[in-house]
């Protein structure tokens, strides 16, 4: 059984996925895959350089993620160009990893599941949810350069309501870690019984 785990940026998807992993769930993380497909020497990185120029490349030949974020979160057509390069590769690698992962159930972490064709690949959808104000605080602490950029990143994703509308299950990640861990443990038991 494949569970699509999604949520807005800085909602706590990685934390929740780690908790499921501790319980023995197979985790396939499309964010990790996205970083792997743009490693030096991979065709996607060359295509990104061709599409966006040297400004998105670091001195060490890796993708400058900060520069890329600045471009794609302020220009919708640039974001679509980047997605056209990355999404088919991410999807193919997700399928490959899922075929090999096994387990009673798999959690496939897809931040943009609402918009993704991977939505039809999963059997259930788990949304990690928190309020937007908390997302912005976490995002500013983690990797947004400004409140304006944090707002742009949130605006570029599906809305909280759109995510909740496709959810079979929801983990509310507004409290402490123990509250989140208890919700994960309860869902783990449900998923094992469904599997």
N, C-alpha and C. Protein backbone atom coordinates (compact mmCIF):
# COMPACT_ATOMS: atom_id res chain seq x y z
N UNK A 1 0.85 -1.18 0.00
CA UNK A 1 0.00 0.00 0.00
C UNK A 1 0.89 1.24 0.00
N UNK A 2 0.54 2.19 -0.84
CA UNK A 2 1.32 3.42 -0.97
C UNK A 2 0.53 4.60 -0.39
N UNK A 3 1.14 5.29 0.55
CA UNK A 3 0.54 6.46 1.17
C UNK A 3 1.28 7.68 0.66
N UNK A 4 0.57 8.60 0.03
CA UNK A 4 1.17 9.86 -0.38
C UNK A 4 1.17 10.81 0.79
N UNK A 5 2.35 11.23 1.25
CA UNK A 5 2.46 12.16 2.36
C UNK A 5 2.74 13.54 1.78
N UNK A 6 1.89 14.49 2.10
CA UNK A 6 2.06 15.83 1.55
C UNK A 6 1.75 16.86 2.62
N UNK A 7 1.97 18.11 2.29
CA UNK A 7 1.71 19.22 3.19
C UNK A 7 2.43 20.43 2.63
N UNK A 8 2.06 21.58 3.10
CA UNK A 8 2.72 22.80 2.64
C UNK A 8 4.17 22.83 3.08
N UNK A 9 4.93 23.71 2.48
CA UNK A 9 6.34 23.85 2.84
C UNK A 9 6.43 24.20 4.33
N UNK A 10 7.39 23.61 5.01
CA UNK A 10 7.64 23.85 6.44
C UNK A 10 6.47 23.44 7.34
N UNK A 11 5.68 22.47 6.86
CA UNK A 11 4.57 21.97 7.69
C UNK A 11 5.02 20.84 8.61
N UNK A 12 6.17 20.24 8.32
CA UNK A 12 6.68 19.16 9.14
C UNK A 12 6.66 17.80 8.47
N UNK A 13 6.63 17.79 7.14
CA UNK A 13 6.59 16.51 6.40
C UNK A 13 7.79 15.63 6.72
N UNK A 14 8.98 16.21 6.73
CA UNK A 14 10.19 15.42 6.99
C UNK A 14 10.19 14.86 8.40
N UNK A 15 9.74 15.64 9.36
CA UNK A 15 9.66 15.18 10.74
C UNK A 15 8.70 13.99 10.84
N UNK A 16 7.55 14.12 10.21
CA UNK A 16 6.55 13.05 10.24
C UNK A 16 7.09 11.81 9.52
N UNK A 17 7.72 11.99 8.37
CA UNK A 17 8.28 10.86 7.63
C UNK A 17 9.33 10.13 8.47
N UNK A 18 10.17 10.89 9.20
CA UNK A 18 11.18 10.28 10.07
C UNK A 18 10.53 9.45 11.16
N UNK A 19 9.43 9.93 11.70
CA UNK A 19 8.74 9.19 12.75
C UNK A 19 8.16 7.88 12.20
N UNK A 20 7.62 7.92 11.00
CA UNK A 20 7.13 6.69 10.37
C UNK A 20 8.30 5.74 10.09
N UNK A 21 9.43 6.28 9.66
CA UNK A 21 10.60 5.44 9.38
C UNK A 21 11.06 4.72 10.64
N UNK A 22 11.02 5.42 11.78
CA UNK A 22 11.39 4.80 13.05
C UNK A 22 10.50 3.61 13.38
N UNK A 23 9.26 3.62 12.88
CA UNK A 23 8.32 2.53 13.11
C UNK A 23 8.45 1.43 12.05
N UNK A 24 9.37 1.63 11.09
CA UNK A 24 9.64 0.59 10.10
C UNK A 24 9.02 0.81 8.74
N UNK A 25 8.37 1.95 8.53
CA UNK A 25 7.76 2.22 7.22
C UNK A 25 8.83 2.52 6.19
N UNK A 26 8.62 2.06 4.96
CA UNK A 26 9.50 2.41 3.84
C UNK A 26 9.18 3.84 3.42
N UNK A 27 10.21 4.67 3.30
CA UNK A 27 10.02 6.08 2.94
C UNK A 27 10.68 6.35 1.60
N UNK A 28 9.93 6.96 0.70
CA UNK A 28 10.46 7.43 -0.58
C UNK A 28 10.18 8.92 -0.61
N UNK A 29 11.22 9.73 -0.61
CA UNK A 29 11.08 11.17 -0.48
C UNK A 29 11.43 11.85 -1.80
N UNK A 30 10.44 12.45 -2.43
CA UNK A 30 10.69 13.08 -3.73
C UNK A 30 11.59 14.32 -3.62
N UNK A 31 11.68 14.94 -2.43
CA UNK A 31 12.63 16.04 -2.25
C UNK A 31 14.07 15.52 -2.33
N UNK A 32 14.30 14.35 -1.73
CA UNK A 32 15.63 13.73 -1.81
C UNK A 32 15.93 13.36 -3.26
N UNK A 33 14.94 12.78 -3.93
CA UNK A 33 15.12 12.42 -5.34
C UNK A 33 15.42 13.67 -6.17
N UNK A 34 14.70 14.75 -5.88
CA UNK A 34 14.91 16.00 -6.64
C UNK A 34 16.34 16.50 -6.48
N UNK A 35 16.92 16.34 -5.29
CA UNK A 35 18.32 16.76 -5.10
C UNK A 35 19.27 15.83 -5.85
N UNK A 36 18.93 14.54 -5.88
CA UNK A 36 19.81 13.57 -6.55
C UNK A 36 19.83 13.78 -8.07
N UNK A 37 18.68 14.11 -8.66
CA UNK A 37 18.64 14.22 -10.13
C UNK A 37 19.36 15.47 -10.65
N UNK A 38 19.74 16.39 -9.76
CA UNK A 38 20.48 17.59 -10.20
C UNK A 38 21.93 17.58 -9.71
N UNK A 39 22.42 16.41 -9.34
CA UNK A 39 23.83 16.30 -8.94
C UNK A 39 24.72 16.54 -10.17
N UNK A 40 25.92 17.05 -9.95
CA UNK A 40 26.84 17.24 -11.09
C UNK A 40 27.01 15.95 -11.88
N UNK A 41 26.99 16.13 -13.19
CA UNK A 41 27.11 14.97 -14.08
C UNK A 41 25.79 14.40 -14.52
N UNK A 42 24.69 14.81 -13.88
CA UNK A 42 23.38 14.30 -14.26
C UNK A 42 22.78 15.20 -15.35
N UNK A 43 22.06 14.62 -16.31
CA UNK A 43 21.52 15.41 -17.43
C UNK A 43 20.62 16.56 -17.01
N UNK A 44 19.87 16.41 -15.92
CA UNK A 44 18.96 17.48 -15.51
C UNK A 44 19.73 18.76 -15.17
N UNK A 45 20.90 18.62 -14.56
CA UNK A 45 21.68 19.81 -14.20
C UNK A 45 22.13 20.55 -15.45
N UNK A 46 22.53 19.81 -16.47
CA UNK A 46 22.93 20.44 -17.73
C UNK A 46 21.75 21.17 -18.36
N UNK A 47 20.57 20.55 -18.31
CA UNK A 47 19.38 21.21 -18.88
C UNK A 47 19.02 22.47 -18.11
N UNK A 48 19.15 22.42 -16.79
CA UNK A 48 18.87 23.61 -15.97
C UNK A 48 19.85 24.73 -16.31
N UNK A 49 21.13 24.39 -16.44
CA UNK A 49 22.14 25.39 -16.81
C UNK A 49 21.80 26.00 -18.18
N UNK A 50 21.41 25.14 -19.14
CA UNK A 50 21.05 25.64 -20.47
C UNK A 50 19.83 26.55 -20.41
N UNK A 51 18.85 26.20 -19.57
CA UNK A 51 17.60 26.96 -19.51
C UNK A 51 17.73 28.26 -18.73
N UNK A 52 18.55 28.26 -17.66
CA UNK A 52 18.57 29.40 -16.75
C UNK A 52 19.91 30.13 -16.69
N UNK A 53 20.95 29.55 -17.28
CA UNK A 53 22.24 30.23 -17.32
C UNK A 53 23.12 29.96 -16.11
N UNK A 54 24.30 30.53 -16.16
CA UNK A 54 25.32 30.30 -15.14
C UNK A 54 24.94 30.91 -13.78
N UNK A 55 23.98 31.81 -13.77
CA UNK A 55 23.58 32.47 -12.51
C UNK A 55 23.00 31.49 -11.49
N UNK A 56 22.54 30.33 -11.96
CA UNK A 56 21.96 29.35 -11.02
C UNK A 56 22.96 28.26 -10.65
N UNK A 57 24.22 28.46 -11.06
CA UNK A 57 25.25 27.46 -10.77
C UNK A 57 26.21 28.00 -9.71
N UNK A 58 26.56 27.14 -8.78
CA UNK A 58 27.56 27.50 -7.77
C UNK A 58 28.96 27.38 -8.35
N UNK A 59 29.92 27.97 -7.67
CA UNK A 59 31.32 27.90 -8.10
C UNK A 59 31.82 26.46 -8.15
N UNK A 60 31.22 25.58 -7.36
CA UNK A 60 31.65 24.19 -7.31
C UNK A 60 30.95 23.30 -8.34
N UNK A 61 30.14 23.91 -9.23
CA UNK A 61 29.47 23.15 -10.28
C UNK A 61 28.16 22.53 -9.86
N UNK A 62 27.71 22.84 -8.66
CA UNK A 62 26.40 22.35 -8.21
C UNK A 62 25.35 23.42 -8.44
N UNK A 63 24.10 23.01 -8.32
CA UNK A 63 22.99 23.95 -8.46
C UNK A 63 22.97 24.89 -7.26
N UNK A 64 22.89 26.17 -7.52
CA UNK A 64 22.73 27.18 -6.47
C UNK A 64 21.24 27.27 -6.16
N UNK A 65 20.81 26.54 -5.14
CA UNK A 65 19.38 26.44 -4.82
C UNK A 65 18.76 27.78 -4.44
N UNK A 66 19.52 28.60 -3.76
CA UNK A 66 19.01 29.91 -3.36
C UNK A 66 18.72 30.77 -4.59
N UNK A 67 19.65 30.79 -5.53
CA UNK A 67 19.45 31.56 -6.77
C UNK A 67 18.28 31.00 -7.56
N UNK A 68 18.17 29.67 -7.60
CA UNK A 68 17.07 29.04 -8.33
C UNK A 68 15.73 29.40 -7.70
N UNK A 69 15.68 29.36 -6.36
CA UNK A 69 14.44 29.73 -5.64
C UNK A 69 14.03 31.16 -5.96
N UNK A 70 15.02 32.07 -5.96
CA UNK A 70 14.72 33.48 -6.25
C UNK A 70 14.04 33.62 -7.61
N UNK A 71 14.51 32.85 -8.57
CA UNK A 71 13.95 32.94 -9.93
C UNK A 71 12.56 32.32 -9.99
N UNK A 72 12.45 31.08 -9.55
CA UNK A 72 11.20 30.35 -9.79
C UNK A 72 10.05 30.81 -8.92
N UNK A 73 10.34 31.40 -7.75
CA UNK A 73 9.23 31.85 -6.91
C UNK A 73 8.83 33.29 -7.21
N UNK A 74 9.48 33.90 -8.21
CA UNK A 74 9.05 35.23 -8.64
C UNK A 74 8.63 35.23 -10.11
N UNK A 75 8.74 34.08 -10.78
CA UNK A 75 8.42 34.00 -12.21
C UNK A 75 7.75 32.65 -12.50
N UNK A 76 6.46 32.70 -12.72
CA UNK A 76 5.67 31.48 -12.93
C UNK A 76 6.15 30.67 -14.14
N UNK A 77 6.52 31.35 -15.23
CA UNK A 77 6.96 30.60 -16.41
C UNK A 77 8.31 29.92 -16.15
N UNK A 78 9.16 30.54 -15.35
CA UNK A 78 10.44 29.91 -14.99
C UNK A 78 10.18 28.68 -14.13
N UNK A 79 9.23 28.78 -13.22
CA UNK A 79 8.91 27.63 -12.37
C UNK A 79 8.40 26.47 -13.22
N UNK A 80 7.56 26.77 -14.20
CA UNK A 80 7.05 25.71 -15.09
C UNK A 80 8.16 25.09 -15.92
N UNK A 81 9.12 25.92 -16.37
CA UNK A 81 10.27 25.38 -17.12
C UNK A 81 11.08 24.42 -16.26
N UNK A 82 11.33 24.82 -15.01
CA UNK A 82 12.10 23.96 -14.11
C UNK A 82 11.34 22.66 -13.85
N UNK A 83 10.04 22.76 -13.61
CA UNK A 83 9.24 21.56 -13.35
C UNK A 83 9.23 20.62 -14.55
N UNK A 84 9.22 21.17 -15.75
CA UNK A 84 9.23 20.33 -16.96
C UNK A 84 10.53 19.53 -17.07
N UNK A 85 11.62 20.09 -16.55
CA UNK A 85 12.90 19.38 -16.54
C UNK A 85 12.92 18.32 -15.45
N UNK A 86 12.44 18.68 -14.27
CA UNK A 86 12.60 17.81 -13.10
C UNK A 86 11.50 16.76 -12.92
N UNK A 87 10.25 17.14 -13.09
CA UNK A 87 9.16 16.25 -12.69
C UNK A 87 9.14 14.88 -13.37
N UNK A 88 9.39 14.78 -14.69
CA UNK A 88 9.41 13.44 -15.28
C UNK A 88 10.51 12.56 -14.69
N UNK A 89 11.66 13.14 -14.40
CA UNK A 89 12.77 12.37 -13.81
C UNK A 89 12.44 11.95 -12.37
N UNK A 90 11.85 12.86 -11.62
CA UNK A 90 11.48 12.55 -10.23
C UNK A 90 10.43 11.44 -10.21
N UNK A 91 9.46 11.53 -11.09
CA UNK A 91 8.39 10.52 -11.15
C UNK A 91 8.96 9.14 -11.50
N UNK A 92 9.82 9.08 -12.50
CA UNK A 92 10.40 7.79 -12.91
C UNK A 92 11.21 7.17 -11.78
N UNK A 93 11.98 7.98 -11.07
CA UNK A 93 12.79 7.46 -9.96
C UNK A 93 11.90 7.05 -8.78
N UNK A 94 10.82 7.78 -8.57
CA UNK A 94 9.87 7.41 -7.51
C UNK A 94 9.27 6.03 -7.79
N UNK A 95 8.85 5.80 -9.02
CA UNK A 95 8.30 4.49 -9.40
C UNK A 95 9.35 3.39 -9.18
N UNK A 96 10.59 3.67 -9.59
CA UNK A 96 11.65 2.68 -9.45
C UNK A 96 11.88 2.33 -7.98
N UNK A 97 11.99 3.38 -7.15
CA UNK A 97 12.23 3.13 -5.72
C UNK A 97 11.05 2.42 -5.07
N UNK A 98 9.85 2.75 -5.47
CA UNK A 98 8.67 2.10 -4.91
C UNK A 98 8.66 0.61 -5.24
N UNK A 99 9.02 0.29 -6.48
CA UNK A 99 9.08 -1.12 -6.90
C UNK A 99 10.08 -1.91 -6.05
N UNK A 100 11.16 -1.26 -5.63
CA UNK A 100 12.21 -1.95 -4.89
C UNK A 100 12.03 -1.90 -3.37
N UNK A 101 11.23 -0.98 -2.86
CA UNK A 101 11.18 -0.72 -1.42
C UNK A 101 10.49 -1.82 -0.61
N UNK A 102 9.44 -2.41 -1.15
CA UNK A 102 8.72 -3.43 -0.39
C UNK A 102 8.08 -2.84 0.87
N UNK A 103 7.92 -3.70 1.89
CA UNK A 103 7.33 -3.24 3.15
C UNK A 103 5.83 -3.45 3.18
N UNK A 104 5.28 -3.38 4.39
CA UNK A 104 3.82 -3.50 4.54
C UNK A 104 3.12 -2.33 3.85
N UNK A 105 3.70 -1.16 4.02
CA UNK A 105 3.21 0.03 3.31
C UNK A 105 4.38 0.96 3.09
N UNK A 106 4.22 1.85 2.13
CA UNK A 106 5.25 2.83 1.80
C UNK A 106 4.69 4.22 1.97
N UNK A 107 5.51 5.11 2.48
CA UNK A 107 5.16 6.52 2.50
C UNK A 107 5.93 7.20 1.39
N UNK A 108 5.23 7.80 0.46
CA UNK A 108 5.86 8.53 -0.63
C UNK A 108 5.63 10.01 -0.36
N UNK A 109 6.72 10.71 0.00
CA UNK A 109 6.64 12.11 0.38
C UNK A 109 6.67 12.96 -0.88
N UNK A 110 5.56 13.66 -1.13
CA UNK A 110 5.43 14.49 -2.34
C UNK A 110 4.89 15.86 -1.92
N UNK A 111 5.76 16.86 -1.75
CA UNK A 111 5.29 18.17 -1.30
C UNK A 111 4.16 18.74 -2.16
N UNK A 112 4.25 18.58 -3.46
CA UNK A 112 3.26 19.17 -4.37
C UNK A 112 2.28 18.10 -4.89
N UNK A 113 1.81 17.23 -4.02
CA UNK A 113 0.97 16.11 -4.45
C UNK A 113 -0.33 16.56 -5.09
N UNK A 114 -0.91 17.66 -4.61
CA UNK A 114 -2.17 18.15 -5.19
C UNK A 114 -2.02 18.34 -6.70
N UNK A 115 -0.86 18.90 -7.11
CA UNK A 115 -0.64 19.21 -8.52
C UNK A 115 0.02 18.07 -9.29
N UNK A 116 0.43 17.01 -8.61
CA UNK A 116 1.28 15.99 -9.21
C UNK A 116 0.50 14.81 -9.79
N UNK A 117 1.04 14.25 -10.86
CA UNK A 117 0.47 13.03 -11.42
C UNK A 117 0.70 11.84 -10.49
N UNK A 118 1.60 11.98 -9.53
CA UNK A 118 1.83 10.91 -8.54
C UNK A 118 0.59 10.70 -7.66
N UNK A 119 -0.33 11.65 -7.67
CA UNK A 119 -1.55 11.51 -6.87
C UNK A 119 -2.31 10.23 -7.25
N UNK A 120 -2.29 9.86 -8.53
CA UNK A 120 -2.99 8.65 -8.97
C UNK A 120 -2.19 7.38 -8.68
N UNK A 121 -0.93 7.53 -8.26
CA UNK A 121 -0.05 6.39 -7.97
C UNK A 121 -0.24 5.88 -6.54
N UNK A 122 -0.77 6.73 -5.66
CA UNK A 122 -0.90 6.37 -4.25
C UNK A 122 -2.31 5.87 -3.94
N UNK A 123 -2.40 5.06 -2.86
CA UNK A 123 -3.67 4.48 -2.45
C UNK A 123 -4.41 5.35 -1.44
N UNK A 124 -3.65 6.10 -0.65
CA UNK A 124 -4.23 7.01 0.34
C UNK A 124 -3.37 8.27 0.37
N UNK A 125 -3.96 9.35 0.90
CA UNK A 125 -3.23 10.60 1.01
C UNK A 125 -3.26 11.07 2.46
N UNK A 126 -2.06 11.30 2.99
CA UNK A 126 -1.88 11.82 4.35
C UNK A 126 -1.35 13.25 4.24
N UNK A 127 -2.08 14.19 4.83
CA UNK A 127 -1.66 15.59 4.81
C UNK A 127 -1.13 15.97 6.19
N UNK A 128 0.08 16.53 6.21
CA UNK A 128 0.63 17.12 7.42
C UNK A 128 0.22 18.59 7.37
N UNK A 129 -0.52 19.02 8.39
CA UNK A 129 -1.13 20.34 8.35
C UNK A 129 -0.68 21.20 9.53
N UNK A 130 -0.48 22.47 9.25
CA UNK A 130 -0.30 23.47 10.31
C UNK A 130 -0.74 24.81 9.74
N UNK A 131 -0.93 25.78 10.63
CA UNK A 131 -1.41 27.08 10.16
C UNK A 131 -0.31 27.82 9.40
N UNK A 132 -0.74 28.72 8.54
CA UNK A 132 0.18 29.42 7.64
C UNK A 132 1.19 30.28 8.39
N UNK A 133 0.77 30.88 9.49
CA UNK A 133 1.69 31.70 10.28
C UNK A 133 2.86 30.87 10.79
N UNK A 134 2.55 29.65 11.24
CA UNK A 134 3.61 28.75 11.72
C UNK A 134 4.52 28.34 10.56
N UNK A 135 3.93 28.08 9.39
CA UNK A 135 4.75 27.74 8.21
C UNK A 135 5.74 28.86 7.90
N UNK A 136 5.27 30.10 7.92
CA UNK A 136 6.13 31.23 7.59
C UNK A 136 7.26 31.36 8.61
N UNK A 137 6.94 31.19 9.90
CA UNK A 137 7.99 31.27 10.92
C UNK A 137 9.04 30.19 10.70
N UNK A 138 8.58 28.96 10.43
CA UNK A 138 9.52 27.86 10.20
C UNK A 138 10.34 28.10 8.93
N UNK A 139 9.69 28.60 7.90
CA UNK A 139 10.37 28.83 6.62
C UNK A 139 11.43 29.91 6.76
N UNK A 140 11.12 30.97 7.49
CA UNK A 140 12.10 32.04 7.70
C UNK A 140 13.29 31.52 8.52
N UNK A 141 13.02 30.66 9.47
CA UNK A 141 14.10 30.10 10.28
C UNK A 141 14.95 29.12 9.47
N UNK A 142 14.33 28.50 8.45
CA UNK A 142 15.01 27.43 7.73
C UNK A 142 15.69 27.91 6.46
N UNK A 143 14.93 28.49 5.50
CA UNK A 143 15.59 28.78 4.23
C UNK A 143 15.01 29.90 3.38
N UNK A 144 14.06 30.64 3.86
CA UNK A 144 13.61 31.79 3.08
C UNK A 144 14.46 33.00 3.47
N UNK A 145 14.79 33.81 2.49
CA UNK A 145 15.63 34.97 2.77
C UNK A 145 14.84 36.15 3.33
N UNK A 146 13.53 36.17 3.07
CA UNK A 146 12.71 37.29 3.52
C UNK A 146 11.26 36.84 3.70
N UNK A 147 10.49 37.64 4.43
CA UNK A 147 9.08 37.34 4.61
C UNK A 147 8.36 37.37 3.25
N UNK A 148 8.77 38.29 2.38
CA UNK A 148 8.15 38.37 1.05
C UNK A 148 8.41 37.08 0.27
N UNK A 149 9.65 36.59 0.32
CA UNK A 149 9.94 35.34 -0.38
C UNK A 149 9.15 34.19 0.23
N UNK A 150 9.03 34.15 1.54
CA UNK A 150 8.25 33.09 2.20
C UNK A 150 6.81 33.12 1.71
N UNK A 151 6.24 34.32 1.59
CA UNK A 151 4.86 34.46 1.09
C UNK A 151 4.76 33.98 -0.35
N UNK A 152 5.76 34.31 -1.17
CA UNK A 152 5.75 33.87 -2.57
C UNK A 152 5.81 32.35 -2.68
N UNK A 153 6.65 31.74 -1.83
CA UNK A 153 6.76 30.28 -1.84
C UNK A 153 5.41 29.66 -1.49
N UNK A 154 4.78 30.16 -0.43
CA UNK A 154 3.47 29.64 -0.04
C UNK A 154 2.44 29.85 -1.15
N UNK A 155 2.47 31.01 -1.79
CA UNK A 155 1.50 31.32 -2.84
C UNK A 155 1.69 30.43 -4.06
N UNK A 156 2.90 29.91 -4.27
CA UNK A 156 3.17 29.09 -5.45
C UNK A 156 2.66 27.66 -5.28
N UNK A 157 2.31 27.29 -4.06
CA UNK A 157 1.84 25.93 -3.78
C UNK A 157 0.33 25.91 -3.68
N UNK A 158 -0.22 24.70 -3.72
CA UNK A 158 -1.66 24.56 -3.52
C UNK A 158 -2.00 25.10 -2.13
N UNK A 159 -3.23 25.49 -1.96
CA UNK A 159 -3.64 26.07 -0.69
C UNK A 159 -3.86 24.98 0.36
N UNK A 160 -3.91 25.41 1.58
CA UNK A 160 -4.19 24.50 2.69
C UNK A 160 -5.52 23.79 2.46
N UNK A 161 -6.53 24.54 2.04
CA UNK A 161 -7.85 23.94 1.77
C UNK A 161 -7.79 22.90 0.65
N UNK A 162 -7.01 23.18 -0.40
CA UNK A 162 -6.87 22.21 -1.50
C UNK A 162 -6.20 20.92 -1.02
N UNK A 163 -5.19 21.05 -0.16
CA UNK A 163 -4.55 19.85 0.38
C UNK A 163 -5.51 19.06 1.25
N UNK A 164 -6.19 19.76 2.14
CA UNK A 164 -7.10 19.06 3.05
C UNK A 164 -8.25 18.41 2.30
N UNK A 165 -8.63 18.97 1.16
CA UNK A 165 -9.74 18.41 0.37
C UNK A 165 -9.41 17.05 -0.21
N UNK A 166 -8.12 16.74 -0.43
CA UNK A 166 -7.76 15.44 -1.01
C UNK A 166 -7.30 14.44 0.06
N UNK A 167 -7.30 14.87 1.33
CA UNK A 167 -6.74 14.04 2.40
C UNK A 167 -7.67 12.90 2.79
N UNK A 168 -7.07 11.71 2.94
CA UNK A 168 -7.75 10.61 3.61
C UNK A 168 -7.46 10.68 5.10
N UNK A 169 -6.25 11.15 5.44
CA UNK A 169 -5.81 11.25 6.82
C UNK A 169 -5.08 12.59 6.99
N UNK A 170 -5.14 13.13 8.22
CA UNK A 170 -4.48 14.41 8.51
C UNK A 170 -3.72 14.28 9.83
N UNK A 171 -2.49 14.76 9.83
CA UNK A 171 -1.72 14.93 11.06
C UNK A 171 -1.63 16.43 11.29
N UNK A 172 -2.14 16.88 12.44
CA UNK A 172 -2.06 18.30 12.78
C UNK A 172 -0.74 18.51 13.50
N UNK A 173 0.14 19.29 12.88
CA UNK A 173 1.49 19.49 13.40
C UNK A 173 1.65 20.91 13.94
N UNK A 174 0.70 21.32 14.79
CA UNK A 174 0.76 22.64 15.41
C UNK A 174 1.26 22.57 16.85
N UNK A 175 1.34 21.35 17.40
CA UNK A 175 1.70 21.22 18.81
C UNK A 175 3.14 20.78 18.98
N UNK A 176 3.36 20.05 20.07
CA UNK A 176 4.71 19.58 20.35
C UNK A 176 4.97 18.26 19.62
N UNK A 177 6.22 17.83 19.65
CA UNK A 177 6.62 16.63 18.92
C UNK A 177 5.91 15.38 19.45
N UNK A 178 5.65 15.34 20.74
CA UNK A 178 4.99 14.15 21.30
C UNK A 178 3.56 14.00 20.77
N UNK A 179 2.88 15.12 20.59
CA UNK A 179 1.53 15.09 20.00
C UNK A 179 1.60 14.55 18.57
N UNK A 180 2.58 15.02 17.81
CA UNK A 180 2.75 14.55 16.44
C UNK A 180 3.11 13.07 16.44
N UNK A 181 4.01 12.66 17.32
CA UNK A 181 4.44 11.26 17.40
C UNK A 181 3.24 10.34 17.72
N UNK A 182 2.34 10.79 18.59
CA UNK A 182 1.16 9.99 18.95
C UNK A 182 0.25 9.81 17.74
N UNK A 183 0.09 10.87 16.95
CA UNK A 183 -0.74 10.77 15.74
C UNK A 183 -0.11 9.81 14.73
N UNK A 184 1.22 9.88 14.60
CA UNK A 184 1.93 8.98 13.69
C UNK A 184 1.74 7.52 14.13
N UNK A 185 1.91 7.27 15.41
CA UNK A 185 1.78 5.90 15.93
C UNK A 185 0.39 5.34 15.67
N UNK A 186 -0.64 6.17 15.86
CA UNK A 186 -2.01 5.72 15.63
C UNK A 186 -2.23 5.40 14.15
N UNK A 187 -1.74 6.26 13.28
CA UNK A 187 -1.89 6.02 11.84
C UNK A 187 -1.08 4.81 11.39
N UNK A 188 0.09 4.61 11.98
CA UNK A 188 0.91 3.44 11.64
C UNK A 188 0.11 2.16 11.88
N UNK A 189 -0.58 2.08 12.99
CA UNK A 189 -1.39 0.89 13.29
C UNK A 189 -2.51 0.73 12.27
N UNK A 190 -3.14 1.85 11.92
CA UNK A 190 -4.22 1.79 10.90
C UNK A 190 -3.66 1.31 9.57
N UNK A 191 -2.51 1.87 9.16
CA UNK A 191 -1.93 1.50 7.88
C UNK A 191 -1.52 0.03 7.86
N UNK A 192 -0.98 -0.46 8.97
CA UNK A 192 -0.63 -1.88 9.02
C UNK A 192 -1.87 -2.76 8.86
N UNK A 193 -2.96 -2.36 9.51
CA UNK A 193 -4.19 -3.17 9.39
C UNK A 193 -4.77 -3.08 7.99
N UNK A 194 -4.71 -1.92 7.37
CA UNK A 194 -5.21 -1.78 5.99
C UNK A 194 -4.34 -2.54 5.00
N UNK A 195 -3.03 -2.55 5.24
CA UNK A 195 -2.11 -3.24 4.33
C UNK A 195 -2.31 -4.73 4.40
